[in-house]
């Protein structure tokens, strides 16, 4: 793996962008770029090996960041080409290629949004590698979340109310980027969506629910504490109590005391 020299990398990406309207050529040159910067000495640990396998080049993060910086403008200027390129490179198995595809999708103007939603429904699959799914949910939904958050919430809701626990898990993961986005102040719909799941949680969704609640607690501890007190007044489910206990450390001391009192009453 050669050392990353920014002027050389930018020149390579500039050459790549010349292929932006020719998806197959773009994909071939992008693969060559990743081959050049691939880390052949990388050895995954046990945690990575336990995930659904996705081959990866393990290129330096600097290469991925520069690609994102330089590819954002072409997506605005030529959204049709961006979608064609995204479709082409998403068809590959390699992690970095799919991460670039997700980034491109997230930069395409929402005109109309249906073409973005169509791909998100197709690309986001519960059985997908965790990092690939994360890229699709976070990078792929970027403009949709920013400009039409109600459409993203509706898609997350489709997954949340699926009868399959893996799809419900994916729906909860889809909520995380919205919760973490400090510009998004509309948290009540998220509380409303997760309420029934927190009131009667299943073991399979414990970790995902806990992560969403912890992030909500960081964003709005007062709202989260109020929401959990309301849930405790409705539910005596042992998994609900366990979820509340897991959320406590993310709350203020005052909110923690209030919830502990509510749990004793329950």
C-alpha atoms as a PDB file:
ATOM      1  CA  UNK A   1       0.000   0.000   0.000  1.00  0.00           C
ATOM      2  CA  UNK A   2       1.618   3.304  -1.075  1.00  0.00           C
ATOM      3  CA  UNK A   3       1.606   6.260   1.280  1.00  0.00           C
ATOM      4  CA  UNK A   4      -1.320   8.605   0.636  1.00  0.00           C
ATOM      5  CA  UNK A   5      -0.092  11.813  -0.981  1.00  0.00           C
ATOM      6  CA  UNK A   6      -3.019  14.229  -1.208  1.00  0.00           C
ATOM      7  CA  UNK A   7      -2.025  15.980  -4.481  1.00  0.00           C
ATOM      8  CA  UNK A   8      -1.559  12.606  -6.194  1.00  0.00           C
ATOM      9  CA  UNK A   9      -4.804  11.232  -4.754  1.00  0.00           C
ATOM     10  CA  UNK A  10      -6.764  14.298  -5.878  1.00  0.00           C
ATOM     11  CA  UNK A  11      -5.332  13.928  -9.387  1.00  0.00           C
ATOM     12  CA  UNK A  12      -6.382  10.255  -9.419  1.00  0.00           C
ATOM     13  CA  UNK A  13      -9.902  11.126  -8.293  1.00  0.00           C
ATOM     14  CA  UNK A  14     -10.094  13.918 -10.871  1.00  0.00           C
ATOM     15  CA  UNK A  15      -9.267  11.355 -13.535  1.00  0.00           C
ATOM     16  CA  UNK A  16     -11.936   9.072 -12.088  1.00  0.00           C
ATOM     17  CA  UNK A  17     -14.568  11.814 -12.290  1.00  0.00           C
ATOM     18  CA  UNK A  18     -13.983  12.049 -16.042  1.00  0.00           C
ATOM     19  CA  UNK A  19     -15.677   8.625 -16.172  1.00  0.00           C
ATOM     20  CA  UNK A  20     -18.708   9.772 -14.164  1.00  0.00           C
ATOM     21  CA  UNK A  21     -21.115   9.515 -17.097  1.00  0.00           C
ATOM     22  CA  UNK A  22     -19.815   6.050 -18.036  1.00  0.00           C
ATOM     23  CA  UNK A  23     -20.749   3.806 -15.092  1.00  0.00           C
ATOM     24  CA  UNK A  24     -18.836   0.678 -16.125  1.00  0.00           C
ATOM     25  CA  UNK A  25     -15.636   2.630 -16.775  1.00  0.00           C
ATOM     26  CA  UNK A  26     -16.089   4.519 -13.497  1.00  0.00           C
ATOM     27  CA  UNK A  27     -16.508   1.264 -11.597  1.00  0.00           C
ATOM     28  CA  UNK A  28     -13.410  -0.284 -13.203  1.00  0.00           C
ATOM     29  CA  UNK A  29     -11.244   2.749 -12.439  1.00  0.00           C
ATOM     30  CA  UNK A  30     -12.571   3.037  -8.881  1.00  0.00           C
ATOM     31  CA  UNK A  31     -11.654  -0.615  -8.314  1.00  0.00           C
ATOM     32  CA  UNK A  32      -8.154   0.086  -9.637  1.00  0.00           C
ATOM     33  CA  UNK A  33      -7.846   3.009  -7.224  1.00  0.00           C
ATOM     34  CA  UNK A  34      -8.863   0.830  -4.279  1.00  0.00           C
ATOM     35  CA  UNK A  35      -6.501  -1.928  -5.410  1.00  0.00           C
ATOM     36  CA  UNK A  36      -3.669   0.602  -5.414  1.00  0.00           C
ATOM     37  CA  UNK A  37      -4.343   1.739  -1.838  1.00  0.00           C
ATOM     38  CA  UNK A  38      -5.456  -1.638  -0.449  1.00  0.00           C
ATOM     39  CA  UNK A  39      -3.890  -2.836   2.796  1.00  0.00           C
ATOM     40  CA  UNK A  40      -2.818  -6.417   2.048  1.00  0.00           C
ATOM     41  CA  UNK A  41      -1.502  -6.951   5.575  1.00  0.00           C
ATOM     42  CA  UNK A  42      -4.852  -6.369   7.303  1.00  0.00           C
ATOM     43  CA  UNK A  43      -6.010  -9.227   9.523  1.00  0.00           C
ATOM     44  CA  UNK A  44      -9.567  -9.028  10.923  1.00  0.00           C
ATOM     45  CA  UNK A  45     -10.192  -9.785  14.585  1.00  0.00           C
ATOM     46  CA  UNK A  46     -12.733 -12.238  15.923  1.00  0.00           C
ATOM     47  CA  UNK A  47     -15.509  -9.609  16.072  1.00  0.00           C
ATOM     48  CA  UNK A  48     -15.106  -8.761  12.399  1.00  0.00           C
ATOM     49  CA  UNK A  49     -14.908 -12.426  11.456  1.00  0.00           C
ATOM     50  CA  UNK A  50     -18.160 -13.078  13.287  1.00  0.00           C
ATOM     51  CA  UNK A  51     -20.018 -10.621  11.044  1.00  0.00           C
ATOM     52  CA  UNK A  52     -21.554 -11.621   7.742  1.00  0.00           C
ATOM     53  CA  UNK A  53     -18.502 -11.598   5.502  1.00  0.00           C
ATOM     54  CA  UNK A  54     -17.973  -8.662   3.150  1.00  0.00           C
ATOM     55  CA  UNK A  55     -14.651  -8.516   1.296  1.00  0.00           C
ATOM     56  CA  UNK A  56     -12.840  -5.236   1.785  1.00  0.00           C
ATOM     57  CA  UNK A  57      -9.789  -3.414   0.460  1.00  0.00           C
ATOM     58  CA  UNK A  58      -9.088  -1.781   3.853  1.00  0.00           C
ATOM     59  CA  UNK A  59      -8.018   1.449   2.185  1.00  0.00           C
ATOM     60  CA  UNK A  60      -6.974   4.369   4.436  1.00  0.00           C
ATOM     61  CA  UNK A  61      -9.849   6.485   5.719  1.00  0.00           C
ATOM     62  CA  UNK A  62      -8.191   9.472   4.065  1.00  0.00           C
ATOM     63  CA  UNK A  63      -8.873   7.965   0.632  1.00  0.00           C
ATOM     64  CA  UNK A  64     -12.569   7.493   1.420  1.00  0.00           C
ATOM     65  CA  UNK A  65     -12.915  11.021   2.811  1.00  0.00           C
ATOM     66  CA  UNK A  66     -11.271  12.592  -0.234  1.00  0.00           C
ATOM     67  CA  UNK A  67     -13.519  10.595  -2.541  1.00  0.00           C
ATOM     68  CA  UNK A  68     -16.572  11.917  -0.707  1.00  0.00           C
ATOM     69  CA  UNK A  69     -15.308  15.506  -0.864  1.00  0.00           C
ATOM     70  CA  UNK A  70     -14.648  15.347  -4.588  1.00  0.00           C
ATOM     71  CA  UNK A  71     -17.693  13.301  -5.643  1.00  0.00           C
ATOM     72  CA  UNK A  72     -20.328  15.465  -3.944  1.00  0.00           C
ATOM     73  CA  UNK A  73     -20.362  18.152  -6.662  1.00  0.00           C
ATOM     74  CA  UNK A  74     -20.794  15.763  -9.634  1.00  0.00           C
ATOM     75  CA  UNK A  75     -23.825  14.251  -7.873  1.00  0.00           C
ATOM     76  CA  UNK A  76     -25.480  17.676  -7.744  1.00  0.00           C
ATOM     77  CA  UNK A  77     -24.553  18.496 -11.338  1.00  0.00           C
ATOM     78  CA  UNK A  78     -25.524  15.175 -12.893  1.00  0.00           C
ATOM     79  CA  UNK A  79     -27.915  13.224 -10.644  1.00  0.00           C
ATOM     80  CA  UNK A  80     -28.877  10.741 -13.369  1.00  0.00           C
ATOM     81  CA  UNK A  81     -25.256   9.749 -13.852  1.00  0.00           C
ATOM     82  CA  UNK A  82     -24.815   9.538 -10.070  1.00  0.00           C
ATOM     83  CA  UNK A  83     -27.694   7.070  -9.809  1.00  0.00           C
ATOM     84  CA  UNK A  84     -26.328   4.963 -12.669  1.00  0.00           C
ATOM     85  CA  UNK A  85     -22.862   4.889 -11.105  1.00  0.00           C
ATOM     86  CA  UNK A  86     -24.336   4.065  -7.678  1.00  0.00           C
ATOM     87  CA  UNK A  87     -26.312   1.161  -9.135  1.00  0.00           C
ATOM     88  CA  UNK A  88     -23.241  -0.124 -10.946  1.00  0.00           C
ATOM     89  CA  UNK A  89     -20.897  -0.141  -7.980  1.00  0.00           C
ATOM     90  CA  UNK A  90     -23.536  -1.350  -5.486  1.00  0.00           C
ATOM     91  CA  UNK A  91     -23.629  -4.557  -7.555  1.00  0.00           C
ATOM     92  CA  UNK A  92     -20.087  -5.277  -6.323  1.00  0.00           C
ATOM     93  CA  UNK A  93     -19.454  -7.163  -3.088  1.00  0.00           C
ATOM     94  CA  UNK A  94     -16.608  -5.065  -1.697  1.00  0.00           C
ATOM     95  CA  UNK A  95     -17.378  -2.941   1.351  1.00  0.00           C
ATOM     96  CA  UNK A  96     -15.704   0.254   0.131  1.00  0.00           C
ATOM     97  CA  UNK A  97     -17.430   0.105  -3.248  1.00  0.00           C
ATOM     98  CA  UNK A  98     -20.821  -0.163  -1.574  1.00  0.00           C
ATOM     99  CA  UNK A  99     -19.914   2.648   0.822  1.00  0.00           C
ATOM    100  CA  UNK A 100     -19.199   4.891  -2.168  1.00  0.00           C
ATOM    101  CA  UNK A 101     -22.478   3.812  -3.798  1.00  0.00           C
ATOM    102  CA  UNK A 102     -24.389   4.706  -0.616  1.00  0.00           C
ATOM    103  CA  UNK A 103     -22.635   8.071  -0.420  1.00  0.00           C
ATOM    104  CA  UNK A 104     -23.583   8.881  -4.031  1.00  0.00           C
ATOM    105  CA  UNK A 105     -27.211   7.920  -3.386  1.00  0.00           C
ATOM    106  CA  UNK A 106     -27.315  10.197  -0.351  1.00  0.00           C
ATOM    107  CA  UNK A 107     -26.060  13.169  -2.389  1.00  0.00           C
ATOM    108  CA  UNK A 108     -28.558  12.906  -5.260  1.00  0.00           C
ATOM    109  CA  UNK A 109     -31.211  15.690  -5.301  1.00  0.00           C
ATOM    110  CA  UNK A 110     -34.682  14.520  -4.274  1.00  0.00           C
ATOM    111  CA  UNK A 111     -36.384  15.173  -7.589  1.00  0.00           C
ATOM    112  CA  UNK A 112     -38.285  12.947  -7.211  1.00  0.00           C
ATOM    113  CA  UNK A 113     -37.598  11.234  -3.849  1.00  0.00           C
ATOM    114  CA  UNK A 114     -39.171   7.967  -5.035  1.00  0.00           C
ATOM    115  CA  UNK A 115     -36.034   6.981  -6.930  1.00  0.00           C
ATOM    116  CA  UNK A 116     -34.030   7.261  -3.704  1.00  0.00           C
ATOM    117  CA  UNK A 117     -36.643   5.397  -1.660  1.00  0.00           C
ATOM    118  CA  UNK A 118     -36.803   2.626  -4.248  1.00  0.00           C
ATOM    119  CA  UNK A 119     -33.084   1.958  -3.929  1.00  0.00           C
ATOM    120  CA  UNK A 120     -33.089   2.205  -0.145  1.00  0.00           C
ATOM    121  CA  UNK A 121     -35.830  -0.429   0.033  1.00  0.00           C
ATOM    122  CA  UNK A 122     -33.815  -2.671  -2.268  1.00  0.00           C
ATOM    123  CA  UNK A 123     -30.375  -2.092  -0.724  1.00  0.00           C
ATOM    124  CA  UNK A 124     -31.335  -2.245   2.957  1.00  0.00           C
ATOM    125  CA  UNK A 125     -31.695  -5.902   3.849  1.00  0.00           C
ATOM    126  CA  UNK A 126     -31.494  -7.291   7.410  1.00  0.00           C
ATOM    127  CA  UNK A 127     -29.134 -10.103   6.373  1.00  0.00           C
ATOM    128  CA  UNK A 128     -26.644  -7.648   4.879  1.00  0.00           C
ATOM    129  CA  UNK A 129     -23.198  -7.144   6.392  1.00  0.00           C
ATOM    130  CA  UNK A 130     -23.486  -4.716   9.322  1.00  0.00           C
ATOM    131  CA  UNK A 131     -21.108  -2.121   7.860  1.00  0.00           C
ATOM    132  CA  UNK A 132     -22.763  -2.276   4.436  1.00  0.00           C
ATOM    133  CA  UNK A 133     -26.210  -1.847   6.024  1.00  0.00           C
ATOM    134  CA  UNK A 134     -24.917   1.018   8.142  1.00  0.00           C
ATOM    135  CA  UNK A 135     -23.633   2.783   5.011  1.00  0.00           C
ATOM    136  CA  UNK A 136     -26.982   2.393   3.250  1.00  0.00           C
ATOM    137  CA  UNK A 137     -29.000   3.572   6.255  1.00  0.00           C
ATOM    138  CA  UNK A 138     -26.771   6.519   7.123  1.00  0.00           C
ATOM    139  CA  UNK A 139     -25.017   7.752   3.981  1.00  0.00           C
ATOM    140  CA  UNK A 140     -27.682   6.581   1.537  1.00  0.00           C
ATOM    141  CA  UNK A 141     -30.470   8.423   3.339  1.00  0.00           C
ATOM    142  CA  UNK A 142     -28.549  11.681   3.908  1.00  0.00           C
ATOM    143  CA  UNK A 143     -30.555  14.131   1.789  1.00  0.00           C
ATOM    144  CA  UNK A 144     -33.824  12.306   2.392  1.00  0.00           C
ATOM    145  CA  UNK A 145     -33.355  12.678   6.162  1.00  0.00           C
ATOM    146  CA  UNK A 146     -32.330  16.320   5.874  1.00  0.00           C
ATOM    147  CA  UNK A 147     -34.922  17.513   3.376  1.00  0.00           C
ATOM    148  CA  UNK A 148     -37.868  15.134   3.762  1.00  0.00           C
ATOM    149  CA  UNK A 149     -37.498  13.467   7.183  1.00  0.00           C
ATOM    150  CA  UNK A 150     -41.157  12.409   7.169  1.00  0.00           C
ATOM    151  CA  UNK A 151     -40.456  10.158   4.158  1.00  0.00           C
ATOM    152  CA  UNK A 152     -37.517   8.555   5.967  1.00  0.00           C
ATOM    153  CA  UNK A 153     -39.611   8.047   9.100  1.00  0.00           C
ATOM    154  CA  UNK A 154     -42.315   6.433   6.988  1.00  0.00           C
ATOM    155  CA  UNK A 155     -39.801   3.980   5.527  1.00  0.00           C
ATOM    156  CA  UNK A 156     -38.422   3.197   8.992  1.00  0.00           C
ATOM    157  CA  UNK A 157     -42.016   2.618  10.071  1.00  0.00           C
ATOM    158  CA  UNK A 158     -42.541   0.091   7.279  1.00  0.00           C
ATOM    159  CA  UNK A 159     -39.677  -1.933   8.683  1.00  0.00           C
ATOM    160  CA  UNK A 160     -40.684  -1.422  12.325  1.00  0.00           C
ATOM    161  CA  UNK A 161     -44.146  -2.844  11.792  1.00  0.00           C
ATOM    162  CA  UNK A 162     -42.998  -5.801   9.741  1.00  0.00           C
ATOM    163  CA  UNK A 163     -43.688  -9.072  11.545  1.00  0.00           C
ATOM    164  CA  UNK A 164     -40.077 -10.171  11.111  1.00  0.00           C
ATOM    165  CA  UNK A 165     -37.777  -9.237  14.042  1.00  0.00           C
ATOM    166  CA  UNK A 166     -34.789  -8.664  11.702  1.00  0.00           C
ATOM    167  CA  UNK A 167     -36.782  -6.035   9.782  1.00  0.00           C
ATOM    168  CA  UNK A 168     -37.887  -4.423  13.041  1.00  0.00           C
ATOM    169  CA  UNK A 169     -34.258  -4.307  14.104  1.00  0.00           C
ATOM    170  CA  UNK A 170     -33.397  -2.585  10.831  1.00  0.00           C
ATOM    171  CA  UNK A 171     -36.205  -0.089  11.399  1.00  0.00           C
ATOM    172  CA  UNK A 172     -34.717   0.848  14.766  1.00  0.00           C
ATOM    173  CA  UNK A 173     -31.275   1.235  13.181  1.00  0.00           C
ATOM    174  CA  UNK A 174     -32.862   3.541  10.602  1.00  0.00           C
ATOM    175  CA  UNK A 175     -34.024   5.855  13.398  1.00  0.00           C
ATOM    176  CA  UNK A 176     -30.536   6.353  14.824  1.00  0.00           C
ATOM    177  CA  UNK A 177     -29.237   8.800  12.180  1.00  0.00           C
ATOM    178  CA  UNK A 178     -32.301  11.012  12.771  1.00  0.00           C
ATOM    179  CA  UNK A 179     -31.871  10.888  16.546  1.00  0.00           C
ATOM    180  CA  UNK A 180     -28.175  11.743  16.294  1.00  0.00           C
ATOM    181  CA  UNK A 181     -28.775  14.627  13.883  1.00  0.00           C
ATOM    182  CA  UNK A 182     -28.614  17.771  16.042  1.00  0.00           C
ATOM    183  CA  UNK A 183     -30.464  19.739  13.368  1.00  0.00           C
ATOM    184  CA  UNK A 184     -33.475  17.467  13.701  1.00  0.00           C
ATOM    185  CA  UNK A 185     -35.598  18.822  16.519  1.00  0.00           C
ATOM    186  CA  UNK A 186     -38.688  16.740  15.769  1.00  0.00           C
ATOM    187  CA  UNK A 187     -38.223  13.897  18.245  1.00  0.00           C
ATOM    188  CA  UNK A 188     -41.870  13.246  19.318  1.00  0.00           C
ATOM    189  CA  UNK A 189     -42.662  11.088  16.234  1.00  0.00           C
ATOM    190  CA  UNK A 190     -39.702   8.876  17.120  1.00  0.00           C
ATOM    191  CA  UNK A 191     -40.938   8.402  20.686  1.00  0.00           C
ATOM    192  CA  UNK A 192     -44.377   7.607  19.291  1.00  0.00           C
ATOM    193  CA  UNK A 193     -42.980   4.998  16.887  1.00  0.00           C
ATOM    194  CA  UNK A 194     -40.926   3.126  19.471  1.00  0.00           C
ATOM    195  CA  UNK A 195     -43.512   3.340  22.273  1.00  0.00           C
ATOM    196  CA  UNK A 196     -45.275   0.010  21.589  1.00  0.00           C
ATOM    197  CA  UNK A 197     -41.939  -1.767  21.201  1.00  0.00           C
ATOM    198  CA  UNK A 198     -40.614  -0.400  24.506  1.00  0.00           C
ATOM    199  CA  UNK A 199     -43.878  -1.232  26.249  1.00  0.00           C
ATOM    200  CA  UNK A 200     -43.697  -4.877  25.147  1.00  0.00           C
ATOM    201  CA  UNK A 201     -40.105  -5.476  24.066  1.00  0.00           C
ATOM    202  CA  UNK A 202     -38.717  -8.731  22.799  1.00  0.00           C
ATOM    203  CA  UNK A 203     -35.299 -10.061  23.664  1.00  0.00           C
ATOM    204  CA  UNK A 204     -34.277  -9.880  19.995  1.00  0.00           C
ATOM    205  CA  UNK A 205     -34.788  -6.090  19.961  1.00  0.00           C
ATOM    206  CA  UNK A 206     -33.313  -5.266  23.371  1.00  0.00           C
ATOM    207  CA  UNK A 207     -29.952  -4.011  22.082  1.00  0.00           C
ATOM    208  CA  UNK A 208     -31.429  -1.914  19.269  1.00  0.00           C
ATOM    209  CA  UNK A 209     -34.078  -0.387  21.526  1.00  0.00           C
ATOM    210  CA  UNK A 210     -31.467   0.362  24.178  1.00  0.00           C
ATOM    211  CA  UNK A 211     -29.253   2.118  21.634  1.00  0.00           C
ATOM    212  CA  UNK A 212     -32.107   4.291  20.381  1.00  0.00           C
ATOM    213  CA  UNK A 213     -33.169   5.163  23.943  1.00  0.00           C
ATOM    214  CA  UNK A 214     -29.619   6.007  24.988  1.00  0.00           C
ATOM    215  CA  UNK A 215     -29.214   8.337  22.009  1.00  0.00           C
ATOM    216  CA  UNK A 216     -32.584   9.947  22.747  1.00  0.00           C
ATOM    217  CA  UNK A 217     -31.496  10.433  26.351  1.00  0.00           C
ATOM    218  CA  UNK A 218     -28.358  12.244  25.173  1.00  0.00           C
ATOM    219  CA  UNK A 219     -30.379  14.467  22.842  1.00  0.00           C
ATOM    220  CA  UNK A 220     -33.300  15.227  25.157  1.00  0.00           C
ATOM    221  CA  UNK A 221     -33.030  13.801  28.688  1.00  0.00           C
ATOM    222  CA  UNK A 222     -36.226  15.525  29.898  1.00  0.00           C
ATOM    223  CA  UNK A 223     -38.368  14.176  27.041  1.00  0.00           C
ATOM    224  CA  UNK A 224     -36.827  10.720  27.358  1.00  0.00           C
ATOM    225  CA  UNK A 225     -37.386  10.545  31.108  1.00  0.00           C
ATOM    226  CA  UNK A 226     -41.024  11.648  30.660  1.00  0.00           C
ATOM    227  CA  UNK A 227     -41.513   9.055  27.914  1.00  0.00           C
ATOM    228  CA  UNK A 228     -40.083   6.261  30.073  1.00  0.00           C
ATOM    229  CA  UNK A 229     -42.220   7.248  33.078  1.00  0.00           C
ATOM    230  CA  UNK A 230     -45.283   7.044  30.831  1.00  0.00           C
ATOM    231  CA  UNK A 231     -44.210   3.612  29.611  1.00  0.00           C
ATOM    232  CA  UNK A 232     -43.628   2.404  33.176  1.00  0.00           C
ATOM    233  CA  UNK A 233     -47.165   3.466  34.087  1.00  0.00           C
ATOM    234  CA  UNK A 234     -48.485   1.234  31.303  1.00  0.00           C
ATOM    235  CA  UNK A 235     -46.166  -1.757  31.382  1.00  0.00           C
ATOM    236  CA  UNK A 236     -44.875  -4.206  33.976  1.00  0.00           C
ATOM    237  CA  UNK A 237     -42.940  -6.176  31.382  1.00  0.00           C
ATOM    238  CA  UNK A 238     -39.571  -7.280  32.853  1.00  0.00           C
ATOM    239  CA  UNK A 239     -37.782  -6.443  29.597  1.00  0.00           C
ATOM    240  CA  UNK A 240     -39.167  -2.898  29.822  1.00  0.00           C
ATOM    241  CA  UNK A 241     -37.664  -2.504  33.277  1.00  0.00           C
ATOM    242  CA  UNK A 242     -34.380  -3.820  31.951  1.00  0.00           C
ATOM    243  CA  UNK A 243     -34.441  -1.259  29.124  1.00  0.00           C
ATOM    244  CA  UNK A 244     -35.082   1.581  31.558  1.00  0.00           C
ATOM    245  CA  UNK A 245     -32.163   0.473  33.729  1.00  0.00           C
ATOM    246  CA  UNK A 246     -29.880   0.401  30.671  1.00  0.00           C
ATOM    247  CA  UNK A 247     -30.941   3.945  29.760  1.00  0.00           C
ATOM    248  CA  UNK A 248     -30.446   5.433  33.240  1.00  0.00           C
ATOM    249  CA  UNK A 249     -26.705   6.249  32.928  1.00  0.00           C
ATOM    250  CA  UNK A 250     -27.409   8.490  29.900  1.00  0.00           C
ATOM    251  CA  UNK A 251     -29.895  10.614  31.887  1.00  0.00           C
ATOM    252  CA  UNK A 252     -29.412  13.436  34.373  1.00  0.00           C
ATOM    253  CA  UNK A 253     -29.200  12.535  38.086  1.00  0.00           C
ATOM    254  CA  UNK A 254     -32.617  14.109  38.671  1.00  0.00           C
ATOM    255  CA  UNK A 255     -34.198  12.094  35.865  1.00  0.00           C
ATOM    256  CA  UNK A 256     -32.513   8.920  37.134  1.00  0.00           C
ATOM    257  CA  UNK A 257     -33.976   9.448  40.629  1.00  0.00           C
ATOM    258  CA  UNK A 258     -37.449  10.031  39.177  1.00  0.00           C
ATOM    259  CA  UNK A 259     -37.303   6.850  37.092  1.00  0.00           C
ATOM    260  CA  UNK A 260     -35.973   4.745  39.956  1.00  0.00           C
ATOM    261  CA  UNK A 261     -38.937   5.873  42.015  1.00  0.00           C
ATOM    262  CA  UNK A 262     -41.295   4.966  39.165  1.00  0.00           C
ATOM    263  CA  UNK A 263     -39.691   1.531  38.866  1.00  0.00           C
ATOM    264  CA  UNK A 264     -40.188   0.885  42.597  1.00  0.00           C
ATOM    265  CA  UNK A 265     -43.848   1.792  42.267  1.00  0.00           C
ATOM    266  CA  UNK A 266     -44.155  -0.527  39.266  1.00  0.00           C
END
